[in-house]
Amino acid sequence: MASTDLDQRSFARPPPGLADDLPRWRDRLERQWRLQVEVAHQLLAEIEAALGRIDAASYGICEQCGLRLKADWLEASPQIRYCPECCVRRCGRRESGPAAGLGTS
């Protein structure tokens, strides 16, 4: 028997003990998949809303207080809706990074 036959056979079945855990691993992977799909849908909705604000000539303005959003904030996260201060008021903490100022109306 060639070594490639042994290699293929060793990958055909999970190792002993792991087979019992496969339902748990499947459940965990399916939860991760659903979470990632949800996050992707939320991000796409935020991007679509930002495109709508461009069309409505309200892009780059905080939806809460009307402050012009700084270019570096928009550079970091072009779909932001709120200035950092309003974001703190809305979510109770200062956000940082690409998700700063995100939120649904």
PDB file of N, CA and C in Angstrom:
ATOM      1  N   MET A   1       0.841  -1.172   0.000  1.00  0.00           N
ATOM      2  CA  MET A   1       0.000   0.000   0.000  1.00  0.00           C
ATOM      3  C   MET A   1       0.893   1.244   0.000  1.00  0.00           C
ATOM      4  N   ALA A   2       0.585   2.184  -0.849  1.00  0.00           N
ATOM      5  CA  ALA A   2       1.374   3.409  -0.944  1.00  0.00           C
ATOM      6  C   ALA A   2       1.049   4.322   0.232  1.00  0.00           C
ATOM      7  N   SER A   3       1.999   5.186   0.556  1.00  0.00           N
ATOM      8  CA  SER A   3       1.789   6.086   1.689  1.00  0.00           C
ATOM      9  C   SER A   3       0.630   7.055   1.423  1.00  0.00           C
ATOM     10  N   THR A   4       0.372   7.393   0.156  1.00  0.00           N
ATOM     11  CA  THR A   4      -0.753   8.290  -0.141  1.00  0.00           C
ATOM     12  C   THR A   4      -2.072   7.621   0.202  1.00  0.00           C
ATOM     13  N   ASP A   5      -2.169   6.285   0.033  1.00  0.00           N
ATOM     14  CA  ASP A   5      -3.398   5.581   0.412  1.00  0.00           C
ATOM     15  C   ASP A   5      -3.622   5.694   1.924  1.00  0.00           C
ATOM     16  N   LEU A   6      -2.566   5.550   2.696  1.00  0.00           N
ATOM     17  CA  LEU A   6      -2.677   5.683   4.146  1.00  0.00           C
ATOM     18  C   LEU A   6      -3.072   7.094   4.533  1.00  0.00           C
ATOM     19  N   ASP A   7      -2.475   8.101   3.859  1.00  0.00           N
ATOM     20  CA  ASP A   7      -2.816   9.492   4.157  1.00  0.00           C
ATOM     21  C   ASP A   7      -4.283   9.764   3.885  1.00  0.00           C
ATOM     22  N   GLN A   8      -4.798   9.276   2.761  1.00  0.00           N
ATOM     23  CA  GLN A   8      -6.195   9.510   2.413  1.00  0.00           C
ATOM     24  C   GLN A   8      -7.126   8.805   3.384  1.00  0.00           C
ATOM     25  N   ARG A   9      -6.755   7.590   3.807  1.00  0.00           N
ATOM     26  CA  ARG A   9      -7.600   6.856   4.749  1.00  0.00           C
ATOM     27  C   ARG A   9      -7.627   7.546   6.107  1.00  0.00           C
ATOM     28  N   SER A  10      -6.518   8.134   6.513  1.00  0.00           N
ATOM     29  CA  SER A  10      -6.484   8.770   7.824  1.00  0.00           C
ATOM     30  C   SER A  10      -7.364  10.015   7.870  1.00  0.00           C
ATOM     31  N   PHE A  11      -7.663  10.610   6.728  1.00  0.00           N
ATOM     32  CA  PHE A  11      -8.526  11.792   6.691  1.00  0.00           C
ATOM     33  C   PHE A  11      -9.975  11.440   6.377  1.00  0.00           C
ATOM     34  N   ALA A  12     -10.245  10.175   6.054  1.00  0.00           N
ATOM     35  CA  ALA A  12     -11.604   9.771   5.699  1.00  0.00           C
ATOM     36  C   ALA A  12     -12.515   9.749   6.916  1.00  0.00           C
ATOM     37  N   ARG A  13     -11.980   9.479   8.100  1.00  0.00           N
ATOM     38  CA  ARG A  13     -12.764   9.396   9.327  1.00  0.00           C
ATOM     39  C   ARG A  13     -12.090  10.241  10.404  1.00  0.00           C
ATOM     40  N   PRO A  14     -12.893  10.826  11.288  1.00  0.00           N
ATOM     41  CA  PRO A  14     -12.278  11.561  12.396  1.00  0.00           C
ATOM     42  C   PRO A  14     -11.551  10.591  13.323  1.00  0.00           C
ATOM     43  N   PRO A  15     -10.534  11.044  13.997  1.00  0.00           N
ATOM     44  CA  PRO A  15      -9.831  10.174  14.929  1.00  0.00           C
ATOM     45  C   PRO A  15     -10.754   9.727  16.053  1.00  0.00           C
ATOM     46  N   PRO A  16     -10.427   8.601  16.668  1.00  0.00           N
ATOM     47  CA  PRO A  16     -11.264   8.118  17.782  1.00  0.00           C
ATOM     48  C   PRO A  16     -11.419   9.203  18.843  1.00  0.00           C
ATOM     49  N   GLY A  17     -12.597   9.312  19.401  1.00  0.00           N
ATOM     50  CA  GLY A  17     -12.875  10.324  20.419  1.00  0.00           C
ATOM     51  C   GLY A  17     -13.423  11.609  19.817  1.00  0.00           C
ATOM     52  N   LEU A  18     -12.869  12.035  18.698  1.00  0.00           N
ATOM     53  CA  LEU A  18     -13.351  13.260  18.057  1.00  0.00           C
ATOM     54  C   LEU A  18     -14.736  13.037  17.454  1.00  0.00           C
ATOM     55  N   ALA A  19     -14.987  11.831  16.968  1.00  0.00           N
ATOM     56  CA  ALA A  19     -16.284  11.537  16.359  1.00  0.00           C
ATOM     57  C   ALA A  19     -17.425  11.836  17.325  1.00  0.00           C
ATOM     58  N   ASP A  20     -17.213  11.584  18.609  1.00  0.00           N
ATOM     59  CA  ASP A  20     -18.254  11.866  19.602  1.00  0.00           C
ATOM     60  C   ASP A  20     -18.489  13.362  19.769  1.00  0.00           C
ATOM     61  N   ASP A  21     -17.484  14.171  19.484  1.00  0.00           N
ATOM     62  CA  ASP A  21     -17.591  15.620  19.648  1.00  0.00           C
ATOM     63  C   ASP A  21     -18.067  16.350  18.388  1.00  0.00           C
ATOM     64  N   LEU A  22     -18.227  15.645  17.287  1.00  0.00           N
ATOM     65  CA  LEU A  22     -18.599  16.319  16.034  1.00  0.00           C
ATOM     66  C   LEU A  22     -19.897  17.106  16.136  1.00  0.00           C
ATOM     67  N   PRO A  23     -20.945  16.620  16.784  1.00  0.00           N
ATOM     68  CA  PRO A  23     -22.152  17.452  16.905  1.00  0.00           C
ATOM     69  C   PRO A  23     -21.880  18.771  17.638  1.00  0.00           C
ATOM     70  N   ARG A  24     -21.045  18.719  18.661  1.00  0.00           N
ATOM     71  CA  ARG A  24     -20.699  19.945  19.391  1.00  0.00           C
ATOM     72  C   ARG A  24     -19.939  20.911  18.498  1.00  0.00           C
ATOM     73  N   TRP A  25     -18.990  20.394  17.724  1.00  0.00           N
ATOM     74  CA  TRP A  25     -18.219  21.250  16.818  1.00  0.00           C
ATOM     75  C   TRP A  25     -19.111  21.819  15.725  1.00  0.00           C
ATOM     76  N   ARG A  26     -20.019  20.993  15.200  1.00  0.00           N
ATOM     77  CA  ARG A  26     -20.947  21.492  14.176  1.00  0.00           C
ATOM     78  C   ARG A  26     -21.787  22.622  14.751  1.00  0.00           C
ATOM     79  N   ASP A  27     -22.315  22.435  15.955  1.00  0.00           N
ATOM     80  CA  ASP A  27     -23.135  23.459  16.591  1.00  0.00           C
ATOM     81  C   ASP A  27     -22.336  24.753  16.763  1.00  0.00           C
ATOM     82  N   ARG A  28     -21.109  24.623  17.235  1.00  0.00           N
ATOM     83  CA  ARG A  28     -20.268  25.810  17.438  1.00  0.00           C
ATOM     84  C   ARG A  28     -19.990  26.525  16.124  1.00  0.00           C
ATOM     85  N   LEU A  29     -19.646  25.785  15.091  1.00  0.00           N
ATOM     86  CA  LEU A  29     -19.369  26.395  13.781  1.00  0.00           C
ATOM     87  C   LEU A  29     -20.617  27.041  13.191  1.00  0.00           C
ATOM     88  N   GLU A  30     -21.766  26.403  13.354  1.00  0.00           N
ATOM     89  CA  GLU A  30     -23.009  26.994  12.834  1.00  0.00           C
ATOM     90  C   GLU A  30     -23.351  28.288  13.570  1.00  0.00           C
ATOM     91  N   ARG A  31     -23.108  28.326  14.902  1.00  0.00           N
ATOM     92  CA  ARG A  31     -23.335  29.581  15.642  1.00  0.00           C
ATOM     93  C   ARG A  31     -22.403  30.676  15.155  1.00  0.00           C
ATOM     94  N   GLN A  32     -21.130  30.334  14.936  1.00  0.00           N
ATOM     95  CA  GLN A  32     -20.173  31.327  14.420  1.00  0.00           C
ATOM     96  C   GLN A  32     -20.605  31.824  13.047  1.00  0.00           C
ATOM     97  N   TRP A  33     -21.068  30.917  12.211  1.00  0.00           N
ATOM     98  CA  TRP A  33     -21.505  31.290  10.862  1.00  0.00           C
ATOM     99  C   TRP A  33     -22.677  32.261  10.944  1.00  0.00           C
ATOM    100  N   ARG A  34     -23.674  31.936  11.783  1.00  0.00           N
ATOM    101  CA  ARG A  34     -24.848  32.816  11.920  1.00  0.00           C
ATOM    102  C   ARG A  34     -24.449  34.190  12.442  1.00  0.00           C
ATOM    103  N   LEU A  35     -23.546  34.239  13.401  1.00  0.00           N
ATOM    104  CA  LEU A  35     -23.078  35.512  13.939  1.00  0.00           C
ATOM    105  C   LEU A  35     -22.382  36.340  12.860  1.00  0.00           C
ATOM    106  N   GLN A  36     -21.530  35.717  12.072  1.00  0.00           N
ATOM    107  CA  GLN A  36     -20.825  36.442  11.018  1.00  0.00           C
ATOM    108  C   GLN A  36     -21.786  36.949   9.950  1.00  0.00           C
ATOM    109  N   VAL A  37     -22.798  36.159   9.622  1.00  0.00           N
ATOM    110  CA  VAL A  37     -23.803  36.599   8.645  1.00  0.00           C
ATOM    111  C   VAL A  37     -24.569  37.801   9.201  1.00  0.00           C
ATOM    112  N   GLU A  38     -24.930  37.741  10.484  1.00  0.00           N
ATOM    113  CA  GLU A  38     -25.642  38.853  11.105  1.00  0.00           C
ATOM    114  C   GLU A  38     -24.796  40.124  11.101  1.00  0.00           C
ATOM    115  N   VAL A  39     -23.522  40.007  11.457  1.00  0.00           N
ATOM    116  CA  VAL A  39     -22.613  41.153  11.461  1.00  0.00           C
ATOM    117  C   VAL A  39     -22.473  41.717  10.044  1.00  0.00           C
ATOM    118  N   ALA A  40     -22.327  40.842   9.063  1.00  0.00           N
ATOM    119  CA  ALA A  40     -22.189  41.292   7.670  1.00  0.00           C
ATOM    120  C   ALA A  40     -23.449  42.023   7.216  1.00  0.00           C
ATOM    121  N   HIS A  41     -24.624  41.501   7.568  1.00  0.00           N
ATOM    122  CA  HIS A  41     -25.878  42.164   7.184  1.00  0.00           C
ATOM    123  C   HIS A  41     -25.986  43.538   7.831  1.00  0.00           C
ATOM    124  N   GLN A  42     -25.589  43.630   9.103  1.00  0.00           N
ATOM    125  CA  GLN A  42     -25.650  44.919   9.790  1.00  0.00           C
ATOM    126  C   GLN A  42     -24.701  45.921   9.128  1.00  0.00           C
ATOM    127  N   LEU A  43     -23.497  45.485   8.811  1.00  0.00           N
ATOM    128  CA  LEU A  43     -22.526  46.374   8.178  1.00  0.00           C
ATOM    129  C   LEU A  43     -23.022  46.824   6.803  1.00  0.00           C
ATOM    130  N   LEU A  44     -23.577  45.904   6.030  1.00  0.00           N
ATOM    131  CA  LEU A  44     -24.115  46.284   4.716  1.00  0.00           C
ATOM    132  C   LEU A  44     -25.266  47.277   4.856  1.00  0.00           C
ATOM    133  N   ALA A  45     -26.115  47.090   5.862  1.00  0.00           N
ATOM    134  CA  ALA A  45     -27.217  48.035   6.092  1.00  0.00           C
ATOM    135  C   ALA A  45     -26.679  49.413   6.442  1.00  0.00           C
ATOM    136  N   GLU A  46     -25.626  49.462   7.244  1.00  0.00           N
ATOM    137  CA  GLU A  46     -25.020  50.751   7.604  1.00  0.00           C
ATOM    138  C   GLU A  46     -24.416  51.430   6.375  1.00  0.00           C
ATOM    139  N   ILE A  47     -23.771  50.653   5.517  1.00  0.00           N
ATOM    140  CA  ILE A  47     -23.188  51.217   4.289  1.00  0.00           C
ATOM    141  C   ILE A  47     -24.290  51.730   3.374  1.00  0.00           C
ATOM    142  N   GLU A  48     -25.366  50.963   3.227  1.00  0.00           N
ATOM    143  CA  GLU A  48     -26.491  51.411   2.398  1.00  0.00           C
ATOM    144  C   GLU A  48     -27.098  52.697   2.959  1.00  0.00           C
ATOM    145  N   ALA A  49     -27.200  52.784   4.292  1.00  0.00           N
ATOM    146  CA  ALA A  49     -27.734  54.001   4.910  1.00  0.00           C
ATOM    147  C   ALA A  49     -26.811  55.187   4.641  1.00  0.00           C
ATOM    148  N   ALA A  50     -25.500  54.960   4.691  1.00  0.00           N
ATOM    149  CA  ALA A  50     -24.545  56.042   4.403  1.00  0.00           C
ATOM    150  C   ALA A  50     -24.676  56.506   2.957  1.00  0.00           C
ATOM    151  N   LEU A  51     -24.856  55.568   2.056  1.00  0.00           N
ATOM    152  CA  LEU A  51     -25.067  55.946   0.648  1.00  0.00           C
ATOM    153  C   LEU A  51     -26.350  56.771   0.514  1.00  0.00           C
ATOM    154  N   GLY A  52     -27.367  56.408   1.266  1.00  0.00           N
ATOM    155  CA  GLY A  52     -28.611  57.184   1.265  1.00  0.00           C
ATOM    156  C   GLY A  52     -28.393  58.597   1.798  1.00  0.00           C
ATOM    157  N   ARG A  53     -27.539  58.725   2.818  1.00  0.00           N
ATOM    158  CA  ARG A  53     -27.245  60.063   3.352  1.00  0.00           C
ATOM    159  C   ARG A  53     -26.488  60.902   2.325  1.00  0.00           C
ATOM    160  N   ILE A  54     -25.637  60.271   1.526  1.00  0.00           N
ATOM    161  CA  ILE A  54     -24.961  61.013   0.451  1.00  0.00           C
ATOM    162  C   ILE A  54     -26.009  61.539  -0.521  1.00  0.00           C
ATOM    163  N   ASP A  55     -26.948  60.675  -0.912  1.00  0.00           N
ATOM    164  CA  ASP A  55     -27.998  61.099  -1.847  1.00  0.00           C
ATOM    165  C   ASP A  55     -28.873  62.207  -1.260  1.00  0.00           C
ATOM    166  N   ALA A  56     -29.068  62.178   0.054  1.00  0.00           N
ATOM    167  CA  ALA A  56     -29.922  63.173   0.720  1.00  0.00           C
ATOM    168  C   ALA A  56     -29.140  64.410   1.155  1.00  0.00           C
ATOM    169  N   ALA A  57     -27.859  64.462   0.814  1.00  0.00           N
ATOM    170  CA  ALA A  57     -26.985  65.587   1.172  1.00  0.00           C
ATOM    171  C   ALA A  57     -26.854  65.773   2.685  1.00  0.00           C
ATOM    172  N   SER A  58     -26.932  64.677   3.437  1.00  0.00           N
ATOM    173  CA  SER A  58     -26.750  64.779   4.885  1.00  0.00           C
ATOM    174  C   SER A  58     -25.563  63.945   5.359  1.00  0.00           C
ATOM    175  N   TYR A  59     -24.772  63.461   4.428  1.00  0.00           N
ATOM    176  CA  TYR A  59     -23.605  62.649   4.784  1.00  0.00           C
ATOM    177  C   TYR A  59     -22.571  63.504   5.508  1.00  0.00           C
ATOM    178  N   GLY A  60     -21.943  62.917   6.518  1.00  0.00           N
ATOM    179  CA  GLY A  60     -20.883  63.618   7.239  1.00  0.00           C
ATOM    180  C   GLY A  60     -21.390  64.532   8.332  1.00  0.00           C
ATOM    181  N   ILE A  61     -22.666  64.406   8.673  1.00  0.00           N
ATOM    182  CA  ILE A  61     -23.263  65.218   9.725  1.00  0.00           C
ATOM    183  C   ILE A  61     -23.830  64.269  10.776  1.00  0.00           C
ATOM    184  N   CYS A  62     -23.516  64.517  12.049  1.00  0.00           N
ATOM    185  CA  CYS A  62     -24.008  63.677  13.135  1.00  0.00           C
ATOM    186  C   CYS A  62     -25.532  63.699  13.120  1.00  0.00           C
ATOM    187  N   GLU A  63     -26.138  62.532  13.126  1.00  0.00           N
ATOM    188  CA  GLU A  63     -27.597  62.442  13.084  1.00  0.00           C
ATOM    189  C   GLU A  63     -28.255  62.875  14.384  1.00  0.00           C
ATOM    190  N   GLN A  64     -27.494  62.985  15.457  1.00  0.00           N
ATOM    191  CA  GLN A  64     -28.059  63.369  16.752  1.00  0.00           C
ATOM    192  C   GLN A  64     -27.957  64.884  16.979  1.00  0.00           C
ATOM    193  N   CYS A  65     -26.738  65.427  16.836  1.00  0.00           N
ATOM    194  CA  CYS A  65     -26.537  66.838  17.205  1.00  0.00           C
ATOM    195  C   CYS A  65     -26.287  67.760  16.009  1.00  0.00           C
ATOM    196  N   GLY A  66     -26.066  67.211  14.842  1.00  0.00           N
ATOM    197  CA  GLY A  66     -25.849  68.025  13.656  1.00  0.00           C
ATOM    198  C   GLY A  66     -24.410  68.478  13.451  1.00  0.00           C
ATOM    199  N   LEU A  67     -23.503  68.042  14.319  1.00  0.00           N
ATOM    200  CA  LEU A  67     -22.087  68.396  14.181  1.00  0.00           C
ATOM    201  C   LEU A  67     -21.507  67.781  12.918  1.00  0.00           C
ATOM    202  N   ARG A  68     -20.655  68.543  12.233  1.00  0.00           N
ATOM    203  CA  ARG A  68     -19.962  67.988  11.062  1.00  0.00           C
ATOM    204  C   ARG A  68     -18.964  66.970  11.563  1.00  0.00           C
ATOM    205  N   LEU A  69     -19.006  65.758  11.013  1.00  0.00           N
ATOM    206  CA  LEU A  69     -18.082  64.695  11.398  1.00  0.00           C
ATOM    207  C   LEU A  69     -16.714  64.967  10.800  1.00  0.00           C
ATOM    208  N   LYS A  70     -15.678  64.755  11.587  1.00  0.00           N
ATOM    209  CA  LYS A  70     -14.312  65.022  11.128  1.00  0.00           C
ATOM    210  C   LYS A  70     -13.898  64.027  10.054  1.00  0.00           C
ATOM    211  N   ALA A  71     -13.061  64.510   9.159  1.00  0.00           N
ATOM    212  CA  ALA A  71     -12.610  63.681   8.042  1.00  0.00           C
ATOM    213  C   ALA A  71     -11.907  62.420   8.521  1.00  0.00           C
ATOM    214  N   ASP A  72     -11.120  62.511   9.605  1.00  0.00           N
ATOM    215  CA  ASP A  72     -10.426  61.305  10.071  1.00  0.00           C
ATOM    216  C   ASP A  72     -11.405  60.289  10.661  1.00  0.00           C
ATOM    217  N   TRP A  73     -12.519  60.756  11.242  1.00  0.00           N
ATOM    218  CA  TRP A  73     -13.542  59.819  11.711  1.00  0.00           C
ATOM    219  C   TRP A  73     -14.154  59.087  10.524  1.00  0.00           C
ATOM    220  N   LEU A  74     -14.471  59.859   9.475  1.00  0.00           N
ATOM    221  CA  LEU A  74     -15.065  59.245   8.275  1.00  0.00           C
ATOM    222  C   LEU A  74     -14.062  58.350   7.553  1.00  0.00           C
ATOM    223  N   GLU A  75     -12.802  58.740   7.588  1.00  0.00           N
ATOM    224  CA  GLU A  75     -11.762  57.918   6.959  1.00  0.00           C
ATOM    225  C   GLU A  75     -11.686  56.552   7.651  1.00  0.00           C
ATOM    226  N   ALA A  76     -11.767  56.563   8.978  1.00  0.00           N
ATOM    227  CA  ALA A  76     -11.697  55.318   9.752  1.00  0.00           C
ATOM    228  C   ALA A  76     -12.943  54.462   9.556  1.00  0.00           C
ATOM    229  N   SER A  77     -14.085  55.100   9.424  1.00  0.00           N
ATOM    230  CA  SER A  77     -15.348  54.375   9.288  1.00  0.00           C
ATOM    231  C   SER A  77     -16.340  55.236   8.501  1.00  0.00           C
ATOM    232  N   PRO A  78     -16.323  55.120   7.177  1.00  0.00           N
ATOM    233  CA  PRO A  78     -17.126  56.022   6.336  1.00  0.00           C
ATOM    234  C   PRO A  78     -18.630  55.962   6.575  1.00  0.00           C
ATOM    235  N   GLN A  79     -19.097  54.936   7.228  1.00  0.00           N
ATOM    236  CA  GLN A  79     -20.540  54.801   7.433  1.00  0.00           C
ATOM    237  C   GLN A  79     -21.013  55.326   8.791  1.00  0.00           C
ATOM    238  N   ILE A  80     -20.133  55.978   9.583  1.00  0.00           N
ATOM    239  CA  ILE A  80     -20.559  56.438  10.904  1.00  0.00           C
ATOM    240  C   ILE A  80     -21.717  57.417  10.800  1.00  0.00           C
ATOM    241  N   ARG A  81     -22.549  57.403  11.841  1.00  0.00           N
ATOM    242  CA  ARG A  81     -23.737  58.257  11.894  1.00  0.00           C
ATOM    243  C   ARG A  81     -23.624  59.342  12.949  1.00  0.00           C
ATOM    244  N   TYR A  82     -22.817  59.097  13.985  1.00  0.00           N
ATOM    245  CA  TYR A  82     -22.794  59.972  15.146  1.00  0.00           C
ATOM    246  C   TYR A  82     -21.378  60.412  15.478  1.00  0.00           C
ATOM    247  N   CYS A  83     -21.276  61.611  16.036  1.00  0.00           N
ATOM    248  CA  CYS A  83     -19.997  62.082  16.560  1.00  0.00           C
ATOM    249  C   CYS A  83     -19.682  61.275  17.824  1.00  0.00           C
ATOM    250  N   PRO A  84     -18.438  61.293  18.279  1.00  0.00           N
ATOM    251  CA  PRO A  84     -18.089  60.515  19.475  1.00  0.00           C
ATOM    252  C   PRO A  84     -18.925  60.867  20.700  1.00  0.00           C
ATOM    253  N   GLU A  85     -19.227  62.144  20.909  1.00  0.00           N
ATOM    254  CA  GLU A  85     -20.015  62.541  22.082  1.00  0.00           C
ATOM    255  C   GLU A  85     -21.423  61.951  22.028  1.00  0.00           C
ATOM    256  N   CYS A  86     -22.047  62.013  20.888  1.00  0.00           N
ATOM    257  CA  CYS A  86     -23.397  61.444  20.759  1.00  0.00           C
ATOM    258  C   CYS A  86     -23.354  59.925  20.838  1.00  0.00           C
ATOM    259  N   CYS A  87     -22.298  59.358  20.361  1.00  0.00           N
ATOM    260  CA  CYS A  87     -22.140  57.911  20.465  1.00  0.00           C
ATOM    261  C   CYS A  87     -22.075  57.502  21.935  1.00  0.00           C
ATOM    262  N   VAL A  88     -21.355  58.281  22.756  1.00  0.00           N
ATOM    263  CA  VAL A  88     -21.283  58.007  24.196  1.00  0.00           C
ATOM    264  C   VAL A  88     -22.683  58.091  24.795  1.00  0.00           C
ATOM    265  N   ARG A  89     -23.443  59.108  24.415  1.00  0.00           N
ATOM    266  CA  ARG A  89     -24.803  59.264  24.945  1.00  0.00           C
ATOM    267  C   ARG A  89     -25.706  58.118  24.519  1.00  0.00           C
ATOM    268  N   ARG A  90     -25.524  57.657  23.284  1.00  0.00           N
ATOM    269  CA  ARG A  90     -26.390  56.597  22.751  1.00  0.00           C
ATOM    270  C   ARG A  90     -26.059  55.226  23.327  1.00  0.00           C
ATOM    271  N   CYS A  91     -24.764  54.910  23.434  1.00  0.00           N
ATOM    272  CA  CYS A  91     -24.394  53.549  23.837  1.00  0.00           C
ATOM    273  C   CYS A  91     -23.753  53.495  25.211  1.00  0.00           C
ATOM    274  N   GLY A  92     -23.574  54.653  25.874  1.00  0.00           N
ATOM    275  CA  GLY A  92     -23.065  54.668  27.226  1.00  0.00           C
ATOM    276  C   GLY A  92     -21.554  54.564  27.357  1.00  0.00           C
ATOM    277  N   ARG A  93     -20.845  54.500  26.249  1.00  0.00           N
ATOM    278  CA  ARG A  93     -19.375  54.443  26.293  1.00  0.00           C
ATOM    279  C   ARG A  93     -18.828  54.989  24.990  1.00  0.00           C
ATOM    280  N   ARG A  94     -17.591  55.411  25.064  1.00  0.00           N
ATOM    281  CA  ARG A  94     -16.940  55.932  23.865  1.00  0.00           C
ATOM    282  C   ARG A  94     -16.480  54.760  23.022  1.00  0.00           C
ATOM    283  N   GLU A  95     -16.880  54.754  21.775  1.00  0.00           N
ATOM    284  CA  GLU A  95     -16.452  53.729  20.833  1.00  0.00           C
ATOM    285  C   GLU A  95     -15.141  54.159  20.198  1.00  0.00           C
ATOM    286  N   SER A  96     -14.375  53.196  19.757  1.00  0.00           N
ATOM    287  CA  SER A  96     -13.154  53.516  19.024  1.00  0.00           C
ATOM    288  C   SER A  96     -13.014  52.531  17.883  1.00  0.00           C
ATOM    289  N   GLY A  97     -12.225  52.895  16.919  1.00  0.00           N
ATOM    290  CA  GLY A  97     -11.991  52.014  15.787  1.00  0.00           C
ATOM    291  C   GLY A  97     -13.071  52.138  14.736  1.00  0.00           C
ATOM    292  N   PRO A  98     -13.072  51.204  13.780  1.00  0.00           N
ATOM    293  CA  PRO A  98     -13.980  51.293  12.642  1.00  0.00           C
ATOM    294  C   PRO A  98     -15.464  51.266  13.009  1.00  0.00           C
ATOM    295  N   ALA A  99     -15.825  50.742  14.157  1.00  0.00           N
ATOM    296  CA  ALA A  99     -17.248  50.674  14.503  1.00  0.00           C
ATOM    297  C   ALA A  99     -17.739  51.918  15.225  1.00  0.00           C
ATOM    298  N   ALA A 100     -16.883  52.880  15.476  1.00  0.00           N
ATOM    299  CA  ALA A 100     -17.277  54.084  16.215  1.00  0.00           C
ATOM    300  C   ALA A 100     -18.398  54.813  15.484  1.00  0.00           C
ATOM    301  N   GLY A 101     -19.397  55.190  16.227  1.00  0.00           N
ATOM    302  CA  GLY A 101     -20.490  55.977  15.659  1.00  0.00           C
ATOM    303  C   GLY A 101     -21.495  55.182  14.859  1.00  0.00           C
ATOM    304  N   LEU A 102     -21.360  53.873  14.834  1.00  0.00           N
ATOM    305  CA  LEU A 102     -22.349  53.078  14.104  1.00  0.00           C
ATOM    306  C   LEU A 102     -23.592  52.968  14.950  1.00  0.00           C
ATOM    307  N   GLY A 103     -24.679  52.826  14.305  1.00  0.00           N
ATOM    308  CA  GLY A 103     -25.923  52.608  15.041  1.00  0.00           C
ATOM    309  C   GLY A 103     -27.096  52.812  14.120  1.00  0.00           C
ATOM    310  N   THR A 104     -28.151  52.126  14.413  1.00  0.00           N
ATOM    311  CA  THR A 104     -29.339  52.261  13.584  1.00  0.00           C
ATOM    312  C   THR A 104     -30.205  53.356  14.131  1.00  0.00           C
ATOM    313  N   SER A 105     -30.943  53.976  13.263  1.00  0.00           N
ATOM    314  CA  SER A 105     -31.842  55.053  13.696  1.00  0.00           C
ATOM    315  C   SER A 105     -33.096  54.475  14.275  1.00  0.00           C
TER     316      SER A 105
END
